[in-house]
């Protein structure tokens, strides 16, 4: 059973920083790619950033480029999302997801099979 668990959410003021973590229960090399998505209040879940586990290829949503950094620690089986210069529009529940399809770093929810429970991020102005 694949399990993903997020941590690191919280409340910060605009301009602040947070680091989210996603721990994977299974051997990460089984996942070709992992990603962070978020759901803002009243909106659809959207792609934030993704990374391929082996090569570390990354992809970012335009709205977070230059502010967020995705990374992974192979030994610890953890994926991170470093979020800087946070804005109120970054508020939402952040989810980590895993995909086992080789050759794809997807940016759609349907590309991912396994999901964590989510962690709340609140940015106040």
C-alpha atoms as a PDB file:
ATOM      1  CA  UNK A   1       0.000   0.000   0.000  1.00  0.00           C
ATOM      2  CA  UNK A   2       1.450   3.322  -1.058  1.00  0.00           C
ATOM      3  CA  UNK A   3       1.080   6.072   1.496  1.00  0.00           C
ATOM      4  CA  UNK A   4       2.066   9.707   1.280  1.00  0.00           C
ATOM      5  CA  UNK A   5       2.076  12.061   4.245  1.00  0.00           C
ATOM      6  CA  UNK A   6       2.425  15.842   4.112  1.00  0.00           C
ATOM      7  CA  UNK A   7       3.663  18.104   6.906  1.00  0.00           C
ATOM      8  CA  UNK A   8       4.919  21.636   7.361  1.00  0.00           C
ATOM      9  CA  UNK A   9       1.825  23.690   6.682  1.00  0.00           C
ATOM     10  CA  UNK A  10       0.869  26.646   8.813  1.00  0.00           C
ATOM     11  CA  UNK A  11      -0.046  30.313   8.911  1.00  0.00           C
ATOM     12  CA  UNK A  12       2.324  33.065   7.826  1.00  0.00           C
ATOM     13  CA  UNK A  13       2.135  36.690   6.778  1.00  0.00           C
ATOM     14  CA  UNK A  14       2.649  37.756   3.195  1.00  0.00           C
ATOM     15  CA  UNK A  15       6.337  37.702   2.308  1.00  0.00           C
ATOM     16  CA  UNK A  16       7.038  34.846   4.684  1.00  0.00           C
ATOM     17  CA  UNK A  17       8.301  31.330   4.007  1.00  0.00           C
ATOM     18  CA  UNK A  18       7.280  27.756   4.712  1.00  0.00           C
ATOM     19  CA  UNK A  19       8.736  24.366   3.826  1.00  0.00           C
ATOM     20  CA  UNK A  20       6.404  21.467   3.143  1.00  0.00           C
ATOM     21  CA  UNK A  21       7.510  17.846   3.333  1.00  0.00           C
ATOM     22  CA  UNK A  22       5.991  14.710   1.837  1.00  0.00           C
ATOM     23  CA  UNK A  23       7.132  11.354   3.203  1.00  0.00           C
ATOM     24  CA  UNK A  24       6.673   8.293   0.998  1.00  0.00           C
ATOM     25  CA  UNK A  25       6.041   4.893   2.520  1.00  0.00           C
ATOM     26  CA  UNK A  26       7.117   2.844  -0.499  1.00  0.00           C
ATOM     27  CA  UNK A  27      10.464   2.824  -2.228  1.00  0.00           C
ATOM     28  CA  UNK A  28      10.499   6.109  -4.141  1.00  0.00           C
ATOM     29  CA  UNK A  29      12.162   4.703  -7.211  1.00  0.00           C
ATOM     30  CA  UNK A  30       8.834   3.007  -7.871  1.00  0.00           C
ATOM     31  CA  UNK A  31       7.454   6.454  -8.535  1.00  0.00           C
ATOM     32  CA  UNK A  32       8.539   8.074 -11.744  1.00  0.00           C
ATOM     33  CA  UNK A  33       7.345  11.504 -10.643  1.00  0.00           C
ATOM     34  CA  UNK A  34       5.945  13.251  -7.613  1.00  0.00           C
ATOM     35  CA  UNK A  35       4.250  16.601  -7.407  1.00  0.00           C
ATOM     36  CA  UNK A  36       2.593  19.214  -5.250  1.00  0.00           C
ATOM     37  CA  UNK A  37      -0.925  20.412  -5.961  1.00  0.00           C
ATOM     38  CA  UNK A  38      -3.050  22.902  -4.046  1.00  0.00           C
ATOM     39  CA  UNK A  39      -6.703  23.707  -3.676  1.00  0.00           C
ATOM     40  CA  UNK A  40      -7.669  27.251  -2.775  1.00  0.00           C
ATOM     41  CA  UNK A  41     -11.075  27.921  -1.193  1.00  0.00           C
ATOM     42  CA  UNK A  42     -13.770  27.724  -3.874  1.00  0.00           C
ATOM     43  CA  UNK A  43     -11.339  26.720  -6.615  1.00  0.00           C
ATOM     44  CA  UNK A  44     -10.267  23.578  -8.403  1.00  0.00           C
ATOM     45  CA  UNK A  45      -7.133  21.728  -7.376  1.00  0.00           C
ATOM     46  CA  UNK A  46      -4.165  23.027  -9.377  1.00  0.00           C
ATOM     47  CA  UNK A  47      -0.641  21.924 -10.144  1.00  0.00           C
ATOM     48  CA  UNK A  48       2.115  23.716  -8.219  1.00  0.00           C
ATOM     49  CA  UNK A  49       5.350  21.850  -8.940  1.00  0.00           C
ATOM     50  CA  UNK A  50       6.596  18.409  -9.914  1.00  0.00           C
ATOM     51  CA  UNK A  51       9.832  16.429  -9.913  1.00  0.00           C
ATOM     52  CA  UNK A  52      11.046  13.158 -11.381  1.00  0.00           C
ATOM     53  CA  UNK A  53      12.489  10.995  -8.669  1.00  0.00           C
ATOM     54  CA  UNK A  54      15.538   9.625 -10.487  1.00  0.00           C
ATOM     55  CA  UNK A  55      16.812  12.565 -12.541  1.00  0.00           C
ATOM     56  CA  UNK A  56      15.333  15.384 -10.524  1.00  0.00           C
ATOM     57  CA  UNK A  57      13.755  17.076 -13.535  1.00  0.00           C
ATOM     58  CA  UNK A  58      11.411  19.792 -12.293  1.00  0.00           C
ATOM     59  CA  UNK A  59       8.349  21.656 -13.507  1.00  0.00           C
ATOM     60  CA  UNK A  60       6.579  24.645 -11.972  1.00  0.00           C
ATOM     61  CA  UNK A  61       3.325  26.505 -12.397  1.00  0.00           C
ATOM     62  CA  UNK A  62       3.935  30.015 -13.727  1.00  0.00           C
ATOM     63  CA  UNK A  63       2.408  31.511 -10.583  1.00  0.00           C
ATOM     64  CA  UNK A  64       5.133  30.074  -8.334  1.00  0.00           C
ATOM     65  CA  UNK A  65       8.217  30.212 -10.557  1.00  0.00           C
ATOM     66  CA  UNK A  66      11.056  32.014  -8.839  1.00  0.00           C
ATOM     67  CA  UNK A  67       9.382  31.727  -5.417  1.00  0.00           C
ATOM     68  CA  UNK A  68       8.944  27.990  -4.826  1.00  0.00           C
ATOM     69  CA  UNK A  69      11.536  25.231  -5.090  1.00  0.00           C
ATOM     70  CA  UNK A  70      10.756  21.519  -5.256  1.00  0.00           C
ATOM     71  CA  UNK A  71      13.370  18.955  -4.272  1.00  0.00           C
ATOM     72  CA  UNK A  72      13.699  15.404  -3.015  1.00  0.00           C
ATOM     73  CA  UNK A  73      15.950  13.440  -0.671  1.00  0.00           C
ATOM     74  CA  UNK A  74      16.405   9.951  -2.079  1.00  0.00           C
ATOM     75  CA  UNK A  75      17.862   8.499   1.109  1.00  0.00           C
ATOM     76  CA  UNK A  76      15.084   9.836   3.351  1.00  0.00           C
ATOM     77  CA  UNK A  77      12.310   9.200   0.793  1.00  0.00           C
ATOM     78  CA  UNK A  78      11.023  12.738   1.289  1.00  0.00           C
ATOM     79  CA  UNK A  79       9.938  15.387  -1.197  1.00  0.00           C
ATOM     80  CA  UNK A  80      10.061  19.036  -0.229  1.00  0.00           C
ATOM     81  CA  UNK A  81       8.475  22.288  -1.338  1.00  0.00           C
ATOM     82  CA  UNK A  82      10.329  25.391  -0.210  1.00  0.00           C
ATOM     83  CA  UNK A  83       7.946  28.346  -0.468  1.00  0.00           C
ATOM     84  CA  UNK A  84       9.298  31.887  -0.263  1.00  0.00           C
ATOM     85  CA  UNK A  85       7.737  35.315  -0.783  1.00  0.00           C
ATOM     86  CA  UNK A  86       4.364  33.844   0.020  1.00  0.00           C
ATOM     87  CA  UNK A  87       1.279  35.718  -1.124  1.00  0.00           C
ATOM     88  CA  UNK A  88      -2.345  35.536   0.071  1.00  0.00           C
ATOM     89  CA  UNK A  89      -3.211  33.799  -3.234  1.00  0.00           C
ATOM     90  CA  UNK A  90      -0.962  30.910  -2.148  1.00  0.00           C
ATOM     91  CA  UNK A  91      -3.481  30.047   0.578  1.00  0.00           C
ATOM     92  CA  UNK A  92      -4.958  26.580   0.273  1.00  0.00           C
ATOM     93  CA  UNK A  93      -4.636  22.922   1.084  1.00  0.00           C
ATOM     94  CA  UNK A  94      -1.433  21.513  -0.367  1.00  0.00           C
ATOM     95  CA  UNK A  95      -1.331  17.882  -1.481  1.00  0.00           C
ATOM     96  CA  UNK A  96       1.529  15.684  -2.564  1.00  0.00           C
ATOM     97  CA  UNK A  97       0.965  13.106  -5.271  1.00  0.00           C
ATOM     98  CA  UNK A  98       2.855  10.249  -6.923  1.00  0.00           C
ATOM     99  CA  UNK A  99       2.751   8.815 -10.433  1.00  0.00           C
ATOM    100  CA  UNK A 100       4.310   5.562 -11.625  1.00  0.00           C
ATOM    101  CA  UNK A 101       4.018   6.219 -15.349  1.00  0.00           C
ATOM    102  CA  UNK A 102       7.487   6.249 -16.840  1.00  0.00           C
ATOM    103  CA  UNK A 103       8.398   9.232 -18.973  1.00  0.00           C
ATOM    104  CA  UNK A 104       5.696  11.582 -17.722  1.00  0.00           C
ATOM    105  CA  UNK A 105       5.978  14.579 -15.434  1.00  0.00           C
ATOM    106  CA  UNK A 106       2.304  15.434 -15.443  1.00  0.00           C
ATOM    107  CA  UNK A 107       0.624  18.685 -14.513  1.00  0.00           C
ATOM    108  CA  UNK A 108      -2.918  17.384 -14.195  1.00  0.00           C
ATOM    109  CA  UNK A 109      -4.566  15.734 -11.222  1.00  0.00           C
ATOM    110  CA  UNK A 110      -5.531  12.771 -13.390  1.00  0.00           C
ATOM    111  CA  UNK A 111      -1.867  12.028 -14.062  1.00  0.00           C
ATOM    112  CA  UNK A 112      -1.354  11.001 -10.449  1.00  0.00           C
ATOM    113  CA  UNK A 113      -2.518   7.840  -8.746  1.00  0.00           C
ATOM    114  CA  UNK A 114      -1.500   8.285  -5.120  1.00  0.00           C
ATOM    115  CA  UNK A 115      -2.333  11.262  -2.926  1.00  0.00           C
ATOM    116  CA  UNK A 116      -1.639  12.482   0.576  1.00  0.00           C
ATOM    117  CA  UNK A 117      -4.271  13.909   2.924  1.00  0.00           C
ATOM    118  CA  UNK A 118      -3.133  17.500   2.502  1.00  0.00           C
ATOM    119  CA  UNK A 119      -1.724  20.218   4.724  1.00  0.00           C
ATOM    120  CA  UNK A 120      -3.189  23.702   5.164  1.00  0.00           C
ATOM    121  CA  UNK A 121      -1.209  26.787   4.190  1.00  0.00           C
ATOM    122  CA  UNK A 122      -2.673  30.169   5.126  1.00  0.00           C
ATOM    123  CA  UNK A 123      -1.041  33.430   4.047  1.00  0.00           C
ATOM    124  CA  UNK A 124      -2.424  36.629   5.511  1.00  0.00           C
ATOM    125  CA  UNK A 125      -1.955  40.093   4.052  1.00  0.00           C
END
